[in-house]
Amino acid sequence: LTTKVAKHYSQGELTRLGLGITIEQWIVLKII
């Protein structure tokens, strides 16, 4: 539940800011 709430919040913020990526895409970019 905590993971889902965190992902939902974070994705909402990325969308609100117009970054044009998903949380999963951000994680991949950060790992790379």
PDB file of all heavy atoms in Angstrom:
ATOM      1  N   LEU A   1       0.827  -1.204   0.000  1.00  0.00           N
ATOM      2  CA  LEU A   1       0.000   0.000   0.000  1.00  0.00           C
ATOM      3  C   LEU A   1       0.869   1.266   0.000  1.00  0.00           C
ATOM      4  O   LEU A   1       0.613   2.213  -0.750  1.00  0.00           O
ATOM      5  CB  LEU A   1      -0.933  -0.013   1.209  1.00  0.00           C
ATOM      6  CG  LEU A   1      -1.897   1.157   1.352  1.00  0.00           C
ATOM      7  CD1 LEU A   1      -2.817   1.252   0.138  1.00  0.00           C
ATOM      8  CD2 LEU A   1      -2.701   1.018   2.635  1.00  0.00           C
ATOM      9  N   THR A   2       1.909   1.267   0.819  1.00  0.00           N
ATOM     10  CA  THR A   2       2.820   2.413   0.882  1.00  0.00           C
ATOM     11  C   THR A   2       3.498   2.642  -0.461  1.00  0.00           C
ATOM     12  O   THR A   2       3.607   3.782  -0.927  1.00  0.00           O
ATOM     13  CB  THR A   2       3.868   2.199   1.993  1.00  0.00           C
ATOM     14  OG1 THR A   2       3.185   2.014   3.237  1.00  0.00           O
ATOM     15  CG2 THR A   2       4.823   3.378   2.092  1.00  0.00           C
ATOM     16  N   THR A   3       3.927   1.575  -1.100  1.00  0.00           N
ATOM     17  CA  THR A   3       4.557   1.680  -2.416  1.00  0.00           C
ATOM     18  C   THR A   3       3.598   2.267  -3.431  1.00  0.00           C
ATOM     19  O   THR A   3       3.957   3.157  -4.212  1.00  0.00           O
ATOM     20  CB  THR A   3       5.054   0.290  -2.875  1.00  0.00           C
ATOM     21  OG1 THR A   3       6.004  -0.186  -1.928  1.00  0.00           O
ATOM     22  CG2 THR A   3       5.694   0.353  -4.244  1.00  0.00           C
ATOM     23  N   LYS A   4       2.356   1.801  -3.413  1.00  0.00           N
ATOM     24  CA  LYS A   4       1.355   2.312  -4.358  1.00  0.00           C
ATOM     25  C   LYS A   4       1.049   3.782  -4.116  1.00  0.00           C
ATOM     26  O   LYS A   4       0.947   4.565  -5.066  1.00  0.00           O
ATOM     27  CB  LYS A   4       0.088   1.466  -4.286  1.00  0.00           C
ATOM     28  CG  LYS A   4       0.279   0.099  -4.916  1.00  0.00           C
ATOM     29  CD  LYS A   4      -0.948  -0.768  -4.780  1.00  0.00           C
ATOM     30  CE  LYS A   4      -0.676  -2.116  -5.428  1.00  0.00           C
ATOM     31  NZ  LYS A   4      -1.708  -3.077  -5.191  1.00  0.00           N
ATOM     32  N   VAL A   5       0.914   4.171  -2.860  1.00  0.00           N
ATOM     33  CA  VAL A   5       0.646   5.571  -2.536  1.00  0.00           C
ATOM     34  C   VAL A   5       1.817   6.444  -2.993  1.00  0.00           C
ATOM     35  O   VAL A   5       1.624   7.503  -3.599  1.00  0.00           O
ATOM     36  CB  VAL A   5       0.384   5.753  -1.015  1.00  0.00           C
ATOM     37  CG1 VAL A   5       0.416   7.213  -0.612  1.00  0.00           C
ATOM     38  CG2 VAL A   5      -0.944   5.109  -0.635  1.00  0.00           C
ATOM     39  N   ALA A   6       3.042   5.996  -2.737  1.00  0.00           N
ATOM     40  CA  ALA A   6       4.229   6.758  -3.135  1.00  0.00           C
ATOM     41  C   ALA A   6       4.304   6.902  -4.652  1.00  0.00           C
ATOM     42  O   ALA A   6       4.569   7.998  -5.164  1.00  0.00           O
ATOM     43  CB  ALA A   6       5.494   6.089  -2.606  1.00  0.00           C
ATOM     44  N   LYS A   7       4.073   5.813  -5.393  1.00  0.00           N
ATOM     45  CA  LYS A   7       4.119   5.876  -6.854  1.00  0.00           C
ATOM     46  C   LYS A   7       3.030   6.779  -7.403  1.00  0.00           C
ATOM     47  O   LYS A   7       3.258   7.563  -8.323  1.00  0.00           O
ATOM     48  CB  LYS A   7       4.010   4.483  -7.466  1.00  0.00           C
ATOM     49  CG  LYS A   7       5.292   3.710  -7.416  1.00  0.00           C
ATOM     50  CD  LYS A   7       5.166   2.397  -8.172  1.00  0.00           C
ATOM     51  CE  LYS A   7       6.500   1.680  -8.212  1.00  0.00           C
ATOM     52  NZ  LYS A   7       6.428   0.444  -8.992  1.00  0.00           N
ATOM     53  N   HIS A   8       1.827   6.671  -6.832  1.00  0.00           N
ATOM     54  CA  HIS A   8       0.712   7.501  -7.293  1.00  0.00           C
ATOM     55  C   HIS A   8       1.015   8.984  -7.079  1.00  0.00           C
ATOM     56  O   HIS A   8       0.820   9.806  -7.973  1.00  0.00           O
ATOM     57  CB  HIS A   8      -0.571   7.100  -6.559  1.00  0.00           C
ATOM     58  CG  HIS A   8      -1.766   7.899  -6.956  1.00  0.00           C
ATOM     59  ND1 HIS A   8      -2.423   7.705  -8.146  1.00  0.00           N
ATOM     60  CD2 HIS A   8      -2.413   8.905  -6.322  1.00  0.00           C
ATOM     61  CE1 HIS A   8      -3.421   8.561  -8.237  1.00  0.00           C
ATOM     62  NE2 HIS A   8      -3.430   9.301  -7.141  1.00  0.00           N
ATOM     63  N   TYR A   9       1.511   9.309  -5.890  1.00  0.00           N
ATOM     64  CA  TYR A   9       1.860  10.706  -5.596  1.00  0.00           C
ATOM     65  C   TYR A   9       2.959  11.200  -6.535  1.00  0.00           C
ATOM     66  O   TYR A   9       2.839  12.267  -7.144  1.00  0.00           O
ATOM     67  CB  TYR A   9       2.319  10.849  -4.132  1.00  0.00           C
ATOM     68  CG  TYR A   9       2.861  12.225  -3.850  1.00  0.00           C
ATOM     69  CD1 TYR A   9       2.008  13.277  -3.571  1.00  0.00           C
ATOM     70  CD2 TYR A   9       4.225  12.472  -3.901  1.00  0.00           C
ATOM     71  CE1 TYR A   9       2.497  14.559  -3.339  1.00  0.00           C
ATOM     72  CE2 TYR A   9       4.728  13.746  -3.674  1.00  0.00           C
ATOM     73  CZ  TYR A   9       3.859  14.782  -3.392  1.00  0.00           C
ATOM     74  OH  TYR A   9       4.356  16.048  -3.174  1.00  0.00           O
ATOM     75  N   SER A  10       4.021  10.414  -6.646  1.00  0.00           N
ATOM     76  CA  SER A  10       5.160  10.828  -7.460  1.00  0.00           C
ATOM     77  C   SER A  10       4.785  10.972  -8.932  1.00  0.00           C
ATOM     78  O   SER A  10       5.194  11.927  -9.590  1.00  0.00           O
ATOM     79  CB  SER A  10       6.320   9.846  -7.299  1.00  0.00           C
ATOM     80  OG  SER A  10       6.774   9.859  -5.965  1.00  0.00           O
ATOM     81  N   GLN A  11       3.992  10.025  -9.444  1.00  0.00           N
ATOM     82  CA  GLN A  11       3.575  10.126 -10.844  1.00  0.00           C
ATOM     83  C   GLN A  11       2.714  11.359 -11.055  1.00  0.00           C
ATOM     84  O   GLN A  11       2.857  12.061 -12.060  1.00  0.00           O
ATOM     85  CB  GLN A  11       2.814   8.877 -11.298  1.00  0.00           C
ATOM     86  CG  GLN A  11       2.507   8.889 -12.789  1.00  0.00           C
ATOM     87  CD  GLN A  11       3.773   8.974 -13.637  1.00  0.00           C
ATOM     88  OE1 GLN A  11       4.621   8.098 -13.564  1.00  0.00           O
ATOM     89  NE2 GLN A  11       3.905  10.015 -14.436  1.00  0.00           N
ATOM     90  N   GLY A  12       1.853  11.650 -10.098  1.00  0.00           N
ATOM     91  CA  GLY A  12       1.038  12.860 -10.184  1.00  0.00           C
ATOM     92  C   GLY A  12       1.895  14.113 -10.241  1.00  0.00           C
ATOM     93  O   GLY A  12       1.599  15.040 -11.006  1.00  0.00           O
ATOM     94  N   GLU A  13       2.950  14.135  -9.461  1.00  0.00           N
ATOM     95  CA  GLU A  13       3.848  15.293  -9.464  1.00  0.00           C
ATOM     96  C   GLU A  13       4.615  15.406 -10.784  1.00  0.00           C
ATOM     97  O   GLU A  13       4.757  16.496 -11.330  1.00  0.00           O
ATOM     98  CB  GLU A  13       4.825  15.220  -8.284  1.00  0.00           C
ATOM     99  CG  GLU A  13       4.184  15.544  -6.960  1.00  0.00           C
ATOM    100  CD  GLU A  13       3.661  16.973  -6.908  1.00  0.00           C
ATOM    101  OE1 GLU A  13       4.473  17.927  -6.947  1.00  0.00           O
ATOM    102  OE2 GLU A  13       2.434  17.150  -6.830  1.00  0.00           O
ATOM    103  N   LEU A  14       5.101  14.284 -11.304  1.00  0.00           N
ATOM    104  CA  LEU A  14       5.812  14.320 -12.590  1.00  0.00           C
ATOM    105  C   LEU A  14       4.876  14.806 -13.698  1.00  0.00           C
ATOM    106  O   LEU A  14       5.287  15.596 -14.558  1.00  0.00           O
ATOM    107  CB  LEU A  14       6.366  12.936 -12.943  1.00  0.00           C
ATOM    108  CG  LEU A  14       7.474  12.384 -12.052  1.00  0.00           C
ATOM    109  CD1 LEU A  14       7.917  11.008 -12.535  1.00  0.00           C
ATOM    110  CD2 LEU A  14       8.664  13.322 -11.961  1.00  0.00           C
ATOM    111  N   THR A  15       3.632  14.367 -13.642  1.00  0.00           N
ATOM    112  CA  THR A  15       2.642  14.791 -14.630  1.00  0.00           C
ATOM    113  C   THR A  15       2.322  16.272 -14.451  1.00  0.00           C
ATOM    114  O   THR A  15       2.288  17.030 -15.424  1.00  0.00           O
ATOM    115  CB  THR A  15       1.363  13.938 -14.509  1.00  0.00           C
ATOM    116  OG1 THR A  15       1.717  12.564 -14.722  1.00  0.00           O
ATOM    117  CG2 THR A  15       0.315  14.365 -15.522  1.00  0.00           C
ATOM    118  N   ARG A  16       2.080  16.685 -13.218  1.00  0.00           N
ATOM    119  CA  ARG A  16       1.753  18.091 -12.926  1.00  0.00           C
ATOM    120  C   ARG A  16       2.858  19.027 -13.406  1.00  0.00           C
ATOM    121  O   ARG A  16       2.597  20.102 -13.929  1.00  0.00           O
ATOM    122  CB  ARG A  16       1.541  18.274 -11.414  1.00  0.00           C
ATOM    123  CG  ARG A  16       1.121  19.685 -11.009  1.00  0.00           C
ATOM    124  CD  ARG A  16       0.975  19.814  -9.495  1.00  0.00           C
ATOM    125  NE  ARG A  16       2.227  19.714  -8.780  1.00  0.00           N
ATOM    126  CZ  ARG A  16       3.131  20.698  -8.671  1.00  0.00           C
ATOM    127  NH1 ARG A  16       2.934  21.860  -9.249  1.00  0.00           N
ATOM    128  NH2 ARG A  16       4.244  20.509  -7.985  1.00  0.00           N
ATOM    129  N   LEU A  17       4.101  18.584 -13.267  1.00  0.00           N
ATOM    130  CA  LEU A  17       5.241  19.402 -13.666  1.00  0.00           C
ATOM    131  C   LEU A  17       5.535  19.316 -15.170  1.00  0.00           C
ATOM    132  O   LEU A  17       6.412  20.009 -15.663  1.00  0.00           O
ATOM    133  CB  LEU A  17       6.478  18.994 -12.861  1.00  0.00           C
ATOM    134  CG  LEU A  17       6.383  19.279 -11.360  1.00  0.00           C
ATOM    135  CD1 LEU A  17       7.493  18.577 -10.603  1.00  0.00           C
ATOM    136  CD2 LEU A  17       6.403  20.774 -11.099  1.00  0.00           C
ATOM    137  N   GLY A  18       4.812  18.451 -15.859  1.00  0.00           N
ATOM    138  CA  GLY A  18       4.982  18.338 -17.304  1.00  0.00           C
ATOM    139  C   GLY A  18       6.291  17.712 -17.739  1.00  0.00           C
ATOM    140  O   GLY A  18       6.803  18.028 -18.816  1.00  0.00           O
ATOM    141  N   LEU A  19       6.833  16.797 -16.942  1.00  0.00           N
ATOM    142  CA  LEU A  19       8.121  16.199 -17.284  1.00  0.00           C
ATOM    143  C   LEU A  19       8.012  15.165 -18.403  1.00  0.00           C
ATOM    144  O   LEU A  19       9.007  14.832 -19.031  1.00  0.00           O
ATOM    145  CB  LEU A  19       8.772  15.571 -16.045  1.00  0.00           C
ATOM    146  CG  LEU A  19       9.116  16.550 -14.921  1.00  0.00           C
ATOM    147  CD1 LEU A  19       9.879  15.836 -13.820  1.00  0.00           C
ATOM    148  CD2 LEU A  19       9.900  17.735 -15.431  1.00  0.00           C
ATOM    149  N   GLY A  20       6.827  14.633 -18.630  1.00  0.00           N
ATOM    150  CA  GLY A  20       6.623  13.732 -19.754  1.00  0.00           C
ATOM    151  C   GLY A  20       7.225  12.354 -19.608  1.00  0.00           C
ATOM    152  O   GLY A  20       7.505  11.690 -20.608  1.00  0.00           O
ATOM    153  N   ILE A  21       7.445  11.916 -18.365  1.00  0.00           N
ATOM    154  CA  ILE A  21       7.963  10.561 -18.140  1.00  0.00           C
ATOM    155  C   ILE A  21       7.179   9.915 -17.004  1.00  0.00           C
ATOM    156  O   ILE A  21       6.524  10.591 -16.213  1.00  0.00           O
ATOM    157  CB  ILE A  21       9.472  10.530 -17.814  1.00  0.00           C
ATOM    158  CG1 ILE A  21       9.773  11.236 -16.490  1.00  0.00           C
ATOM    159  CG2 ILE A  21      10.299  11.104 -18.937  1.00  0.00           C
ATOM    160  CD1 ILE A  21      11.167  10.966 -15.964  1.00  0.00           C
ATOM    161  N   THR A  22       7.294   8.590 -16.930  1.00  0.00           N
ATOM    162  CA  THR A  22       6.675   7.844 -15.840  1.00  0.00           C
ATOM    163  C   THR A  22       7.703   7.619 -14.738  1.00  0.00           C
ATOM    164  O   THR A  22       8.907   7.794 -14.946  1.00  0.00           O
ATOM    165  CB  THR A  22       6.171   6.471 -16.330  1.00  0.00           C
ATOM    166  OG1 THR A  22       7.310   5.689 -16.729  1.00  0.00           O
ATOM    167  CG2 THR A  22       5.190   6.616 -17.483  1.00  0.00           C
ATOM    168  N   ILE A  23       7.205   7.186 -13.593  1.00  0.00           N
ATOM    169  CA  ILE A  23       8.094   6.848 -12.480  1.00  0.00           C
ATOM    170  C   ILE A  23       9.072   5.757 -12.902  1.00  0.00           C
ATOM    171  O   ILE A  23      10.266   5.829 -12.615  1.00  0.00           O
ATOM    172  CB  ILE A  23       7.276   6.397 -11.245  1.00  0.00           C
ATOM    173  CG1 ILE A  23       6.507   7.579 -10.651  1.00  0.00           C
ATOM    174  CG2 ILE A  23       8.164   5.752 -10.188  1.00  0.00           C
ATOM    175  CD1 ILE A  23       7.386   8.731 -10.202  1.00  0.00           C
ATOM    176  N   GLU A  24       8.561   4.737 -13.606  1.00  0.00           N
ATOM    177  CA  GLU A  24       9.422   3.646 -14.051  1.00  0.00           C
ATOM    178  C   GLU A  24      10.529   4.161 -14.975  1.00  0.00           C
ATOM    179  O   GLU A  24      11.675   3.728 -14.877  1.00  0.00           O
ATOM    180  CB  GLU A  24       8.598   2.564 -14.754  1.00  0.00           C
ATOM    181  CG  GLU A  24       7.725   1.752 -13.819  1.00  0.00           C
ATOM    182  CD  GLU A  24       6.450   2.479 -13.357  1.00  0.00           C
ATOM    183  OE1 GLU A  24       6.065   3.499 -13.970  1.00  0.00           O
ATOM    184  OE2 GLU A  24       5.857   2.028 -12.371  1.00  0.00           O
ATOM    185  N   GLN A  25      10.191   5.097 -15.862  1.00  0.00           N
ATOM    186  CA  GLN A  25      11.190   5.678 -16.757  1.00  0.00           C
ATOM    187  C   GLN A  25      12.218   6.473 -15.959  1.00  0.00           C
ATOM    188  O   GLN A  25      13.421   6.412 -16.244  1.00  0.00           O
ATOM    189  CB  GLN A  25      10.516   6.548 -17.819  1.00  0.00           C
ATOM    190  CG  GLN A  25       9.712   5.754 -18.817  1.00  0.00           C
ATOM    191  CD  GLN A  25       8.801   6.623 -19.667  1.00  0.00           C
ATOM    192  OE1 GLN A  25       8.820   7.851 -19.602  1.00  0.00           O
ATOM    193  NE2 GLN A  25       7.970   5.980 -20.476  1.00  0.00           N
ATOM    194  N   TRP A  26      11.766   7.229 -14.959  1.00  0.00           N
ATOM    195  CA  TRP A  26      12.704   7.979 -14.116  1.00  0.00           C
ATOM    196  C   TRP A  26      13.667   7.028 -13.419  1.00  0.00           C
ATOM    197  O   TRP A  26      14.873   7.264 -13.376  1.00  0.00           O
ATOM    198  CB  TRP A  26      11.989   8.849 -13.080  1.00  0.00           C
ATOM    199  CG  TRP A  26      12.980   9.417 -12.117  1.00  0.00           C
ATOM    200  CD1 TRP A  26      13.308   8.942 -10.881  1.00  0.00           C
ATOM    201  CD2 TRP A  26      13.873  10.513 -12.361  1.00  0.00           C
ATOM    202  NE1 TRP A  26      14.329   9.694 -10.331  1.00  0.00           N
ATOM    203  CE2 TRP A  26      14.690  10.659 -11.217  1.00  0.00           C
ATOM    204  CE3 TRP A  26      14.052  11.386 -13.432  1.00  0.00           C
ATOM    205  CZ2 TRP A  26      15.667  11.646 -11.121  1.00  0.00           C
ATOM    206  CZ3 TRP A  26      15.025  12.371 -13.319  1.00  0.00           C
ATOM    207  CH2 TRP A  26      15.820  12.495 -12.180  1.00  0.00           C
ATOM    208  N   ILE A  27      13.148   5.939 -12.862  1.00  0.00           N
ATOM    209  CA  ILE A  27      13.989   4.979 -12.149  1.00  0.00           C
ATOM    210  C   ILE A  27      15.064   4.426 -13.082  1.00  0.00           C
ATOM    211  O   ILE A  27      16.239   4.331 -12.714  1.00  0.00           O
ATOM    212  CB  ILE A  27      13.139   3.859 -11.519  1.00  0.00           C
ATOM    213  CG1 ILE A  27      12.321   4.434 -10.353  1.00  0.00           C
ATOM    214  CG2 ILE A  27      14.010   2.692 -11.053  1.00  0.00           C
ATOM    215  CD1 ILE A  27      11.237   3.504  -9.826  1.00  0.00           C
ATOM    216  N   VAL A  28      14.677   4.099 -14.300  1.00  0.00           N
ATOM    217  CA  VAL A  28      15.642   3.582 -15.275  1.00  0.00           C
ATOM    218  C   VAL A  28      16.700   4.645 -15.585  1.00  0.00           C
ATOM    219  O   VAL A  28      17.902   4.347 -15.610  1.00  0.00           O
ATOM    220  CB  VAL A  28      14.927   3.088 -16.548  1.00  0.00           C
ATOM    221  CG1 VAL A  28      15.915   2.828 -17.675  1.00  0.00           C
ATOM    222  CG2 VAL A  28      14.126   1.822 -16.239  1.00  0.00           C
ATOM    223  N   LEU A  29      16.276   5.882 -15.807  1.00  0.00           N
ATOM    224  CA  LEU A  29      17.239   6.965 -16.066  1.00  0.00           C
ATOM    225  C   LEU A  29      18.209   7.128 -14.896  1.00  0.00           C
ATOM    226  O   LEU A  29      19.418   7.288 -15.099  1.00  0.00           O
ATOM    227  CB  LEU A  29      16.515   8.287 -16.331  1.00  0.00           C
ATOM    228  CG  LEU A  29      15.796   8.429 -17.651  1.00  0.00           C
ATOM    229  CD1 LEU A  29      14.983   9.727 -17.687  1.00  0.00           C
ATOM    230  CD2 LEU A  29      16.771   8.385 -18.821  1.00  0.00           C
ATOM    231  N   LYS A  30      17.683   7.095 -13.688  1.00  0.00           N
ATOM    232  CA  LYS A  30      18.525   7.273 -12.504  1.00  0.00           C
ATOM    233  C   LYS A  30      19.532   6.127 -12.361  1.00  0.00           C
ATOM    234  O   LYS A  30      20.708   6.359 -12.072  1.00  0.00           O
ATOM    235  CB  LYS A  30      17.642   7.385 -11.257  1.00  0.00           C
ATOM    236  CG  LYS A  30      18.408   7.710  -9.997  1.00  0.00           C
ATOM    237  CD  LYS A  30      19.018   9.091 -10.036  1.00  0.00           C
ATOM    238  CE  LYS A  30      19.613   9.453  -8.694  1.00  0.00           C
ATOM    239  NZ  LYS A  30      21.025   9.791  -8.771  1.00  0.00           N
ATOM    240  N   ILE A  31      19.082   4.898 -12.585  1.00  0.00           N
ATOM    241  CA  ILE A  31      19.997   3.759 -12.507  1.00  0.00           C
ATOM    242  C   ILE A  31      21.096   3.889 -13.555  1.00  0.00           C
ATOM    243  O   ILE A  31      22.278   3.683 -13.255  1.00  0.00           O
ATOM    244  CB  ILE A  31      19.233   2.430 -12.669  1.00  0.00           C
ATOM    245  CG1 ILE A  31      18.347   2.171 -11.448  1.00  0.00           C
ATOM    246  CG2 ILE A  31      20.210   1.260 -12.875  1.00  0.00           C
ATOM    247  CD1 ILE A  31      17.382   1.007 -11.613  1.00  0.00           C
ATOM    248  N   ILE A  32      20.728   4.251 -14.767  1.00  0.00           N
ATOM    249  CA  ILE A  32      21.728   4.414 -15.828  1.00  0.00           C
ATOM    250  C   ILE A  32      22.707   5.524 -15.470  1.00  0.00           C
ATOM    251  O   ILE A  32      23.913   5.396 -15.692  1.00  0.00           O
ATOM    252  CB  ILE A  32      21.048   4.690 -17.187  1.00  0.00           C
ATOM    253  CG1 ILE A  32      20.234   3.471 -17.628  1.00  0.00           C
ATOM    254  CG2 ILE A  32      22.089   5.048 -18.248  1.00  0.00           C
ATOM    255  CD1 ILE A  32      19.319   3.742 -18.813  1.00  0.00           C
TER     256      ILE A  32
END
